[in-house]
PDB file of N, CA and C in Angstrom:
ATOM      1  N   UNK A   1     -15.991   7.870  18.337  1.00  0.00           N
ATOM      2  CA  UNK A   1     -14.700   7.614  17.744  1.00  0.00           C
ATOM      3  C   UNK A   1     -13.457   7.208  17.984  1.00  0.00           C
ATOM      4  N   UNK A   2     -12.324   6.275  17.755  1.00  0.00           N
ATOM      5  CA  UNK A   2     -10.872   6.268  18.241  1.00  0.00           C
ATOM      6  C   UNK A   2     -10.352   6.868  17.093  1.00  0.00           C
ATOM      7  N   UNK A   3      -8.952   6.923  17.600  1.00  0.00           N
ATOM      8  CA  UNK A   3      -7.840   7.436  17.092  1.00  0.00           C
ATOM      9  C   UNK A   3      -7.676   6.444  15.541  1.00  0.00           C
ATOM     10  N   UNK A   4      -6.818   6.992  14.930  1.00  0.00           N
ATOM     11  CA  UNK A   4      -6.720   6.601  13.412  1.00  0.00           C
ATOM     12  C   UNK A   4      -5.160   6.747  13.056  1.00  0.00           C
ATOM     13  N   UNK A   5      -4.792   5.697  12.072  1.00  0.00           N
ATOM     14  CA  UNK A   5      -3.702   5.584  11.682  1.00  0.00           C
ATOM     15  C   UNK A   5      -3.835   5.723   9.975  1.00  0.00           C
ATOM     16  N   UNK A   6      -3.032   6.400   9.033  1.00  0.00           N
ATOM     17  CA  UNK A   6      -2.517   5.640   7.773  1.00  0.00           C
ATOM     18  C   UNK A   6      -0.893   5.121   8.379  1.00  0.00           C
ATOM     19  N   UNK A   7      -0.955   4.099   7.454  1.00  0.00           N
ATOM     20  CA  UNK A   7       0.036   2.606   7.821  1.00  0.00           C
ATOM     21  C   UNK A   7       0.596   2.635   6.649  1.00  0.00           C
ATOM     22  N   UNK A   8       1.883   3.070   6.271  1.00  0.00           N
ATOM     23  CA  UNK A   8       2.547   2.786   5.195  1.00  0.00           C
ATOM     24  C   UNK A   8       3.179   1.373   5.366  1.00  0.00           C
ATOM     25  N   UNK A   9       3.545   0.133   4.484  1.00  0.00           N
ATOM     26  CA  UNK A   9       4.294  -0.791   4.137  1.00  0.00           C
ATOM     27  C   UNK A   9       4.761  -0.805   2.623  1.00  0.00           C
ATOM     28  N   UNK A  10       6.005  -1.275   2.788  1.00  0.00           N
ATOM     29  CA  UNK A  10       6.798  -1.170   1.832  1.00  0.00           C
ATOM     30  C   UNK A  10       6.689  -3.055   1.283  1.00  0.00           C
ATOM     31  N   UNK A  11       6.653  -3.593   0.285  1.00  0.00           N
ATOM     32  CA  UNK A  11       6.435  -4.764  -0.172  1.00  0.00           C
ATOM     33  C   UNK A  11       6.813  -5.366  -1.605  1.00  0.00           C
ATOM     34  N   UNK A  12       7.749  -6.836  -1.584  1.00  0.00           N
ATOM     35  CA  UNK A  12       8.068  -6.709  -2.731  1.00  0.00           C
ATOM     36  C   UNK A  12       6.762  -6.713  -3.778  1.00  0.00           C
ATOM     37  N   UNK A  13       7.043  -6.175  -4.971  1.00  0.00           N
ATOM     38  CA  UNK A  13       5.914  -5.952  -5.871  1.00  0.00           C
ATOM     39  C   UNK A  13       4.543  -7.499  -6.224  1.00  0.00           C
ATOM     40  N   UNK A  14       5.966  -8.511  -6.466  1.00  0.00           N
ATOM     41  CA  UNK A  14       5.149  -9.456  -6.350  1.00  0.00           C
ATOM     42  C   UNK A  14       4.067 -10.063  -5.200  1.00  0.00           C
ATOM     43  N   UNK A  15       4.307  -9.391  -4.030  1.00  0.00           N
ATOM     44  CA  UNK A  15       3.843 -10.206  -2.969  1.00  0.00           C
ATOM     45  C   UNK A  15       2.689  -8.865  -2.207  1.00  0.00           C
ATOM     46  N   UNK A  16       2.689  -7.916  -3.057  1.00  0.00           N
ATOM     47  CA  UNK A  16       1.723  -6.717  -2.493  1.00  0.00           C
ATOM     48  C   UNK A  16      -0.009  -7.152  -2.595  1.00  0.00           C
ATOM     49  N   UNK A  17      -0.426  -7.944  -3.364  1.00  0.00           N
ATOM     50  CA  UNK A  17      -1.673  -8.141  -3.573  1.00  0.00           C
ATOM     51  C   UNK A  17      -2.109  -9.212  -2.513  1.00  0.00           C
ATOM     52  N   UNK A  18      -1.208 -10.135  -2.227  1.00  0.00           N
ATOM     53  CA  UNK A  18      -1.530 -11.157  -1.327  1.00  0.00           C
ATOM     54  C   UNK A  18      -1.538 -10.460   0.207  1.00  0.00           C
ATOM     55  N   UNK A  19      -0.547  -9.725   0.320  1.00  0.00           N
ATOM     56  CA  UNK A  19      -0.506  -8.745   2.034  1.00  0.00           C
ATOM     57  C   UNK A  19      -1.846  -8.151   2.069  1.00  0.00           C
ATOM     58  N   UNK A  20      -2.148  -7.657   0.848  1.00  0.00           N
ATOM     59  CA  UNK A  20      -3.275  -6.281   1.123  1.00  0.00           C
ATOM     60  C   UNK A  20      -4.761  -7.064   1.340  1.00  0.00           C
ATOM     61  N   UNK A  21      -4.972  -8.471   0.741  1.00  0.00           N
ATOM     62  CA  UNK A  21      -5.650  -9.372   1.105  1.00  0.00           C
ATOM     63  C   UNK A  21      -5.433  -9.781   2.213  1.00  0.00           C
ATOM     64  N   UNK A  22      -4.544 -10.131   2.917  1.00  0.00           N
ATOM     65  CA  UNK A  22      -4.504 -10.640   4.334  1.00  0.00           C
ATOM     66  C   UNK A  22      -4.956  -9.633   5.314  1.00  0.00           C
ATOM     67  N   UNK A  23      -4.435  -8.226   5.091  1.00  0.00           N
ATOM     68  CA  UNK A  23      -4.643  -7.526   5.728  1.00  0.00           C
ATOM     69  C   UNK A  23      -6.249  -7.120   5.827  1.00  0.00           C
ATOM     70  N   UNK A  24      -6.981  -7.127   4.949  1.00  0.00           N
ATOM     71  CA  UNK A  24      -8.187  -6.917   4.705  1.00  0.00           C
ATOM     72  C   UNK A  24      -9.040  -8.124   5.346  1.00  0.00           C
ATOM     73  N   UNK A  25      -8.774  -9.595   4.994  1.00  0.00           N
ATOM     74  CA  UNK A  25      -9.431 -10.408   5.703  1.00  0.00           C
ATOM     75  C   UNK A  25      -9.291 -10.607   6.864  1.00  0.00           C
ATOM     76  N   UNK A  26      -8.711 -10.181   7.769  1.00  0.00           N
ATOM     77  CA  UNK A  26      -8.162 -10.198   8.864  1.00  0.00           C
ATOM     78  C   UNK A  26      -8.861  -8.983   9.821  1.00  0.00           C
ATOM     79  N   UNK A  27      -9.316  -7.905   8.815  1.00  0.00           N
ATOM     80  CA  UNK A  27      -9.466  -6.998   9.658  1.00  0.00           C
ATOM     81  C   UNK A  27      -8.652  -6.462  10.120  1.00  0.00           C
ATOM     82  N   UNK A  28      -7.560  -6.308  10.082  1.00  0.00           N
ATOM     83  CA  UNK A  28      -6.308  -5.155  10.492  1.00  0.00           C
ATOM     84  C   UNK A  28      -6.586  -4.473  10.238  1.00  0.00           C
ATOM     85  N   UNK A  29      -7.035  -3.729   8.569  1.00  0.00           N
ATOM     86  CA  UNK A  29      -7.228  -2.579   8.177  1.00  0.00           C
ATOM     87  C   UNK A  29      -8.544  -2.394   7.439  1.00  0.00           C
ATOM     88  N   UNK A  30      -9.150  -1.017   7.363  1.00  0.00           N
ATOM     89  CA  UNK A  30     -10.277  -0.802   6.387  1.00  0.00           C
ATOM     90  C   UNK A  30     -10.304  -1.012   5.130  1.00  0.00           C
ATOM     91  N   UNK A  31      -9.423  -0.258   4.831  1.00  0.00           N
ATOM     92  CA  UNK A  31      -8.681  -0.401   3.185  1.00  0.00           C
ATOM     93  C   UNK A  31      -7.510  -0.522   3.314  1.00  0.00           C
ATOM     94  N   UNK A  32      -6.981  -0.869   2.057  1.00  0.00           N
ATOM     95  CA  UNK A  32      -5.361  -1.005   1.615  1.00  0.00           C
ATOM     96  C   UNK A  32      -5.491  -0.445   0.131  1.00  0.00           C
ATOM     97  N   UNK A  33      -4.698   0.794   0.148  1.00  0.00           N
ATOM     98  CA  UNK A  33      -4.648   1.153  -1.568  1.00  0.00           C
ATOM     99  C   UNK A  33      -3.003   0.621  -1.983  1.00  0.00           C
ATOM    100  N   UNK A  34      -2.915  -0.199  -3.098  1.00  0.00           N
ATOM    101  CA  UNK A  34      -1.690  -0.922  -3.434  1.00  0.00           C
ATOM    102  C   UNK A  34      -1.511   0.404  -4.722  1.00  0.00           C
ATOM    103  N   UNK A  35      -0.393   0.690  -3.951  1.00  0.00           N
ATOM    104  CA  UNK A  35       0.537   1.735  -5.389  1.00  0.00           C
ATOM    105  C   UNK A  35       1.365   0.681  -5.866  1.00  0.00           C
ATOM    106  N   UNK A  36       1.307   0.403  -7.092  1.00  0.00           N
ATOM    107  CA  UNK A  36       1.859  -0.705  -7.568  1.00  0.00           C
ATOM    108  C   UNK A  36       3.514  -1.152  -7.577  1.00  0.00           C
ATOM    109  N   UNK A  37       4.137   0.555  -8.401  1.00  0.00           N
ATOM    110  CA  UNK A  37       5.422   0.199  -8.249  1.00  0.00           C
ATOM    111  C   UNK A  37       6.353   1.663  -7.491  1.00  0.00           C
ATOM    112  N   UNK A  38       6.813   1.453  -6.494  1.00  0.00           N
ATOM    113  CA  UNK A  38       7.699   2.971  -6.228  1.00  0.00           C
ATOM    114  C   UNK A  38       9.302   2.346  -6.499  1.00  0.00           C
ATOM    115  N   UNK A  39       9.921   3.086  -6.604  1.00  0.00           N
ATOM    116  CA  UNK A  39      11.603   2.980  -6.715  1.00  0.00           C
ATOM    117  C   UNK A  39      12.011   3.263  -5.637  1.00  0.00           C
ATOM    118  N   UNK A  40      12.610   2.035  -4.543  1.00  0.00           N
ATOM    119  CA  UNK A  40      12.859   2.604  -3.228  1.00  0.00           C
ATOM    120  C   UNK A  40      14.649   2.775  -3.202  1.00  0.00           C
ATOM    121  N   UNK A  41      15.741   3.632  -2.762  1.00  0.00           N
ATOM    122  CA  UNK A  41      16.625   3.618  -2.854  1.00  0.00           C
ATOM    123  C   UNK A  41      17.104   3.824  -0.555  1.00  0.00           C
ATOM    124  N   UNK A  42      17.794   2.960  -0.198  1.00  0.00           N
ATOM    125  CA  UNK A  42      17.777   3.074   1.018  1.00  0.00           C
ATOM    126  C   UNK A  42      19.504   2.320   1.247  1.00  0.00           C
ATOM    127  N   UNK A  43      19.557   2.531   2.643  1.00  0.00           N
ATOM    128  CA  UNK A  43      20.788   1.677   3.066  1.00  0.00           C
ATOM    129  C   UNK A  43      20.435   0.450   3.730  1.00  0.00           C
ATOM    130  N   UNK A  44      21.246  -0.270   3.145  1.00  0.00           N
ATOM    131  CA  UNK A  44      21.255  -2.248   4.040  1.00  0.00           C
ATOM    132  C   UNK A  44      22.174  -2.443   4.298  1.00  0.00           C
ATOM    133  N   UNK A  45      22.898  -2.651   5.533  1.00  0.00           N
ATOM    134  CA  UNK A  45      23.877  -3.573   5.749  1.00  0.00           C
ATOM    135  C   UNK A  45      24.982  -2.785   5.106  1.00  0.00           C
ATOM    136  N   UNK A  46      25.493  -1.722   5.548  1.00  0.00           N
ATOM    137  CA  UNK A  46      26.511  -0.854   4.904  1.00  0.00           C
ATOM    138  C   UNK A  46      26.542  -0.073   3.184  1.00  0.00           C
ATOM    139  N   UNK A  47      25.393  -0.896   2.416  1.00  0.00           N
ATOM    140  CA  UNK A  47      25.487  -0.479   1.172  1.00  0.00           C
ATOM    141  C   UNK A  47      24.275   0.047   0.845  1.00  0.00           C
ATOM    142  N   UNK A  48      24.231   0.792  -0.479  1.00  0.00           N
ATOM    143  CA  UNK A  48      23.196   1.765  -0.848  1.00  0.00           C
ATOM    144  C   UNK A  48      22.233   0.761  -1.850  1.00  0.00           C
ATOM    145  N   UNK A  49      20.895   0.301  -1.848  1.00  0.00           N
ATOM    146  CA  UNK A  49      20.267  -0.588  -2.490  1.00  0.00           C
ATOM    147  C   UNK A  49      19.000   0.312  -3.274  1.00  0.00           C
ATOM    148  N   UNK A  50      18.873  -0.294  -3.863  1.00  0.00           N
ATOM    149  CA  UNK A  50      17.799  -0.067  -5.067  1.00  0.00           C
ATOM    150  C   UNK A  50      17.010  -1.048  -5.572  1.00  0.00           C
ATOM    151  N   UNK A  51      15.433  -0.664  -5.333  1.00  0.00           N
ATOM    152  CA  UNK A  51      14.616  -1.789  -5.573  1.00  0.00           C
ATOM    153  C   UNK A  51      13.671  -1.359  -6.277  1.00  0.00           C
ATOM    154  N   UNK A  52      12.755  -2.102  -6.668  1.00  0.00           N
ATOM    155  CA  UNK A  52      11.100  -1.960  -7.091  1.00  0.00           C
ATOM    156  C   UNK A  52      10.858  -2.605  -6.109  1.00  0.00           C
ATOM    157  N   UNK A  53       9.002  -1.626  -5.109  1.00  0.00           N
ATOM    158  CA  UNK A  53       8.815  -2.042  -4.436  1.00  0.00           C
ATOM    159  C   UNK A  53       7.182  -1.594  -4.848  1.00  0.00           C
ATOM    160  N   UNK A  54       6.564  -2.078  -4.047  1.00  0.00           N
ATOM    161  CA  UNK A  54       4.744  -1.863  -4.048  1.00  0.00           C
ATOM    162  C   UNK A  54       4.795  -1.487  -2.521  1.00  0.00           C
ATOM    163  N   UNK A  55       3.865  -0.412  -2.928  1.00  0.00           N
ATOM    164  CA  UNK A  55       3.797   0.494  -1.427  1.00  0.00           C
ATOM    165  C   UNK A  55       2.246   0.067  -1.211  1.00  0.00           C
ATOM    166  N   UNK A  56       2.044  -0.291   0.215  1.00  0.00           N
ATOM    167  CA  UNK A  56       0.418  -0.374   0.768  1.00  0.00           C
ATOM    168  C   UNK A  56       0.172   0.939   1.814  1.00  0.00           C
ATOM    169  N   UNK A  57      -0.633   1.364   1.554  1.00  0.00           N
ATOM    170  CA  UNK A  57      -1.102   2.606   2.307  1.00  0.00           C
ATOM    171  C   UNK A  57      -2.841   2.240   2.956  1.00  0.00           C
ATOM    172  N   UNK A  58      -2.533   2.020   4.274  1.00  0.00           N
ATOM    173  CA  UNK A  58      -3.244   1.240   5.211  1.00  0.00           C
ATOM    174  C   UNK A  58      -4.028   2.019   6.004  1.00  0.00           C
ATOM    175  N   UNK A  59      -5.249   2.097   6.126  1.00  0.00           N
ATOM    176  CA  UNK A  59      -5.893   3.007   6.791  1.00  0.00           C
ATOM    177  C   UNK A  59      -6.970   1.821   7.897  1.00  0.00           C
ATOM    178  N   UNK A  60      -6.561   2.312   9.042  1.00  0.00           N
ATOM    179  CA  UNK A  60      -6.811   1.423  10.593  1.00  0.00           C
ATOM    180  C   UNK A  60      -6.810   2.260  11.762  1.00  0.00           C
ATOM    181  N   UNK A  61      -7.404   1.715  12.645  1.00  0.00           N
ATOM    182  CA  UNK A  61      -7.760   2.500  13.702  1.00  0.00           C
ATOM    183  C   UNK A  61      -6.217   2.050  14.872  1.00  0.00           C
ATOM    184  N   UNK A  62      -6.183   3.352  16.037  1.00  0.00           N
ATOM    185  CA  UNK A  62      -5.257   2.832  16.608  1.00  0.00           C
ATOM    186  C   UNK A  62      -5.126   1.565  17.557  1.00  0.00           C
ATOM    187  N   UNK A  63      -6.560   1.304  17.521  1.00  0.00           N
ATOM    188  CA  UNK A  63      -6.354   0.103  18.413  1.00  0.00           C
ATOM    189  C   UNK A  63      -5.867  -1.286  17.858  1.00  0.00           C
ATOM    190  N   UNK A  64      -6.134  -1.248  16.522  1.00  0.00           N
ATOM    191  CA  UNK A  64      -5.469  -2.597  15.736  1.00  0.00           C
ATOM    192  C   UNK A  64      -4.306  -2.384  15.125  1.00  0.00           C
ATOM    193  N   UNK A  65      -3.925  -1.492  15.436  1.00  0.00           N
ATOM    194  CA  UNK A  65      -2.246  -1.145  15.125  1.00  0.00           C
ATOM    195  C   UNK A  65      -1.380  -2.221  15.346  1.00  0.00           C
ATOM    196  N   UNK A  66      -1.119  -2.762  16.480  1.00  0.00           N
ATOM    197  CA  UNK A  66       0.022  -3.514  17.039  1.00  0.00           C
ATOM    198  C   UNK A  66      -0.938  -4.891  16.619  1.00  0.00           C
ATOM    199  N   UNK A  67      -1.836  -5.045  16.318  1.00  0.00           N
ATOM    200  CA  UNK A  67      -2.279  -6.464  15.586  1.00  0.00           C
ATOM    201  C   UNK A  67      -1.522  -6.398  14.303  1.00  0.00           C
ATOM    202  N   UNK A  68      -2.179  -5.541  13.613  1.00  0.00           N
ATOM    203  CA  UNK A  68      -1.121  -5.378  12.359  1.00  0.00           C
ATOM    204  C   UNK A  68      -0.089  -5.244  12.196  1.00  0.00           C
ATOM    205  N   UNK A  69       0.958  -4.878  13.007  1.00  0.00           N
ATOM    206  CA  UNK A  69       1.692  -4.941  12.921  1.00  0.00           C
ATOM    207  C   UNK A  69       2.494  -6.365  13.193  1.00  0.00           C
ATOM    208  N   UNK A  70       1.707  -6.849  14.065  1.00  0.00           N
ATOM    209  CA  UNK A  70       2.307  -8.653  14.669  1.00  0.00           C
ATOM    210  C   UNK A  70       1.803  -9.262  13.337  1.00  0.00           C
ATOM    211  N   UNK A  71       0.776  -9.055  12.585  1.00  0.00           N
ATOM    212  CA  UNK A  71       0.644 -10.027  11.479  1.00  0.00           C
ATOM    213  C   UNK A  71       1.340  -9.852  10.551  1.00  0.00           C
ATOM    214  N   UNK A  72       1.575  -8.623  10.089  1.00  0.00           N
ATOM    215  CA  UNK A  72       2.529  -8.277   8.759  1.00  0.00           C
ATOM    216  C   UNK A  72       3.651  -8.854   9.080  1.00  0.00           C
ATOM    217  N   UNK A  73       4.483  -8.645   9.913  1.00  0.00           N
ATOM    218  CA  UNK A  73       5.780  -9.263  10.308  1.00  0.00           C
ATOM    219  C   UNK A  73       5.825 -10.717  10.266  1.00  0.00           C
ATOM    220  N   UNK A  74       4.501 -11.011  10.488  1.00  0.00           N
ATOM    221  CA  UNK A  74       4.698 -13.071  10.529  1.00  0.00           C
ATOM    222  C   UNK A  74       4.718 -13.344   9.043  1.00  0.00           C
ATOM    223  N   UNK A  75       4.100 -12.630   8.117  1.00  0.00           N
ATOM    224  CA  UNK A  75       4.121 -13.202   6.594  1.00  0.00           C
ATOM    225  C   UNK A  75       4.822 -12.240   6.220  1.00  0.00           C
ATOM    226  N   UNK A  76       5.691 -11.368   6.391  1.00  0.00           N
ATOM    227  CA  UNK A  76       6.334 -10.361   5.016  1.00  0.00           C
ATOM    228  C   UNK A  76       7.701 -10.941   5.106  1.00  0.00           C
ATOM    229  N   UNK A  77       8.142 -10.780   3.718  1.00  0.00           N
ATOM    230  CA  UNK A  77       9.229 -11.767   3.592  1.00  0.00           C
ATOM    231  C   UNK A  77      10.647 -10.771   3.813  1.00  0.00           C
ATOM    232  N   UNK A  78      10.607  -9.899   4.317  1.00  0.00           N
ATOM    233  CA  UNK A  78      11.383  -8.741   4.553  1.00  0.00           C
ATOM    234  C   UNK A  78      12.332  -8.827   6.012  1.00  0.00           C
ATOM    235  N   UNK A  79      13.497  -9.091   6.269  1.00  0.00           N
ATOM    236  CA  UNK A  79      13.904  -9.241   7.378  1.00  0.00           C
ATOM    237  C   UNK A  79      12.990  -7.942   8.470  1.00  0.00           C
ATOM    238  N   UNK A  80      13.668  -6.765   7.843  1.00  0.00           N
ATOM    239  CA  UNK A  80      13.197  -5.760   8.475  1.00  0.00           C
ATOM    240  C   UNK A  80      11.837  -5.075   8.081  1.00  0.00           C
ATOM    241  N   UNK A  81      11.061  -5.304   7.905  1.00  0.00           N
ATOM    242  CA  UNK A  81      10.243  -4.588   7.254  1.00  0.00           C
ATOM    243  C   UNK A  81       9.630  -3.319   7.447  1.00  0.00           C
ATOM    244  N   UNK A  82       9.215  -2.244   6.568  1.00  0.00           N
ATOM    245  CA  UNK A  82       8.975  -1.071   6.349  1.00  0.00           C
ATOM    246  C   UNK A  82       7.229  -0.962   7.068  1.00  0.00           C
ATOM    247  N   UNK A  83       7.223  -0.715   8.180  1.00  0.00           N
ATOM    248  CA  UNK A  83       5.802  -0.443   8.796  1.00  0.00           C
ATOM    249  C   UNK A  83       5.975   0.843   9.807  1.00  0.00           C
ATOM    250  N   UNK A  84       5.167   1.962   9.015  1.00  0.00           N
ATOM    251  CA  UNK A  84       4.944   2.799   9.687  1.00  0.00           C
ATOM    252  C   UNK A  84       3.748   3.477   9.918  1.00  0.00           C
ATOM    253  N   UNK A  85       3.378   3.980  10.617  1.00  0.00           N
ATOM    254  CA  UNK A  85       2.116   4.563  11.153  1.00  0.00           C
ATOM    255  C   UNK A  85       2.246   5.960  11.480  1.00  0.00           C
ATOM    256  N   UNK A  86       1.006   7.045  10.565  1.00  0.00           N
ATOM    257  CA  UNK A  86       1.539   8.366  10.787  1.00  0.00           C
ATOM    258  C   UNK A  86      -0.499   8.465  11.541  1.00  0.00           C
ATOM    259  N   UNK A  87      -0.824   9.635  12.190  1.00  0.00           N
ATOM    260  CA  UNK A  87      -1.819   9.572  13.026  1.00  0.00           C
ATOM    261  C   UNK A  87      -2.550  10.212  11.814  1.00  0.00           C
ATOM    262  N   UNK A  88      -3.933  10.134  11.836  1.00  0.00           N
ATOM    263  CA  UNK A  88      -4.930  10.771  11.306  1.00  0.00           C
ATOM    264  C   UNK A  88      -5.313  11.757  11.939  1.00  0.00           C
ATOM    265  N   UNK A  89      -5.052  13.243  12.052  1.00  0.00           N
ATOM    266  CA  UNK A  89      -5.243  14.753  12.628  1.00  0.00           C
ATOM    267  C   UNK A  89      -6.652  15.127  12.638  1.00  0.00           C
ATOM    268  N   UNK A  90      -6.852  14.938  11.235  1.00  0.00           N
ATOM    269  CA  UNK A  90      -8.666  15.057  11.033  1.00  0.00           C
ATOM    270  C   UNK A  90      -8.988  14.643   9.790  1.00  0.00           C
ATOM    271  N   UNK A  91     -10.005  13.916   9.750  1.00  0.00           N
ATOM    272  CA  UNK A  91     -10.565  13.770   8.329  1.00  0.00           C
ATOM    273  C   UNK A  91     -12.560  13.623   8.637  1.00  0.00           C
ATOM    274  N   UNK A  92     -13.147  13.129   7.321  1.00  0.00           N
ATOM    275  CA  UNK A  92     -14.442  13.204   6.983  1.00  0.00           C
ATOM    276  C   UNK A  92     -14.969  12.125   8.197  1.00  0.00           C
ATOM    277  N   UNK A  93     -15.653  12.735   9.444  1.00  0.00           N
ATOM    278  CA  UNK A  93     -16.548  11.701  10.178  1.00  0.00           C
ATOM    279  C   UNK A  93     -17.040  10.568   9.637  1.00  0.00           C
ATOM    280  N   UNK A  94     -17.673  10.466   8.712  1.00  0.00           N
ATOM    281  CA  UNK A  94     -18.474   9.468   8.048  1.00  0.00           C
ATOM    282  C   UNK A  94     -17.258   8.235   7.670  1.00  0.00           C
ATOM    283  N   UNK A  95     -16.505   9.087   7.401  1.00  0.00           N
ATOM    284  CA  UNK A  95     -15.053   8.078   6.748  1.00  0.00           C
ATOM    285  C   UNK A  95     -14.395   7.177   7.908  1.00  0.00           C
ATOM    286  N   UNK A  96     -14.449   7.760   8.774  1.00  0.00           N
ATOM    287  CA  UNK A  96     -13.550   7.474  10.111  1.00  0.00           C
ATOM    288  C   UNK A  96     -14.794   6.840  10.958  1.00  0.00           C
ATOM    289  N   UNK A  97     -16.077   6.861  10.946  1.00  0.00           N
ATOM    290  CA  UNK A  97     -16.843   5.911  11.519  1.00  0.00           C
ATOM    291  C   UNK A  97     -16.741   4.254  10.438  1.00  0.00           C
ATOM    292  N   UNK A  98     -16.728   5.038   9.313  1.00  0.00           N
ATOM    293  CA  UNK A  98     -16.747   3.361   8.693  1.00  0.00           C
ATOM    294  C   UNK A  98     -15.485   2.778   8.899  1.00  0.00           C
ATOM    295  N   UNK A  99     -14.470   3.395   8.830  1.00  0.00           N
ATOM    296  CA  UNK A  99     -13.071   2.331   9.064  1.00  0.00           C
ATOM    297  C   UNK A  99     -13.638   1.616  10.817  1.00  0.00           C
ATOM    298  N   UNK A 100     -14.074   2.381  11.823  1.00  0.00           N
ATOM    299  CA  UNK A 100     -14.595   1.440  12.947  1.00  0.00           C
ATOM    300  C   UNK A 100     -15.576   0.439  12.366  1.00  0.00           C
ATOM    301  N   UNK A 101     -16.773   0.476  12.043  1.00  0.00           N
ATOM    302  CA  UNK A 101     -17.672  -0.283  11.218  1.00  0.00           C
ATOM    303  C   UNK A 101     -16.949  -1.356  10.705  1.00  0.00           C
ATOM    304  N   UNK A 102     -16.013  -0.974   9.584  1.00  0.00           N
ATOM    305  CA  UNK A 102     -15.031  -1.917   8.775  1.00  0.00           C
ATOM    306  C   UNK A 102     -14.431  -3.132   9.809  1.00  0.00           C
ATOM    307  N   UNK A 103     -14.065  -2.663  10.855  1.00  0.00           N
ATOM    308  CA  UNK A 103     -12.887  -3.355  11.506  1.00  0.00           C
ATOM    309  C   UNK A 103     -13.613  -3.988  12.621  1.00  0.00           C
ATOM    310  N   UNK A 104     -14.917  -4.034  12.589  1.00  0.00           N
ATOM    311  CA  UNK A 104     -15.289  -4.743  13.433  1.00  0.00           C
ATOM    312  C   UNK A 104     -15.956  -4.117  15.159  1.00  0.00           C
TER     313      UNK A 104
END
């Protein structure tokens, strides 16, 4: 088995399913959970901004992360999209094998 990541990606609510489908169809992630709405408060260009967004929670392999990053950035509507990866340090080995199998 390889290394694995959980990747967080915020996206406009109306684009969440499109981006999730893209990730799965391109085999960049084995699973994408779509959290339909989160309220985000953040700094942008010197101002505090508030937005409704969706949060994508992607399970992928370390080998696929760079391809996932490039692919998402190429279609994401934000100038600076949030795409952050957290390593999976332990997990159900059957699930981790399933990630590998799903990603081809």
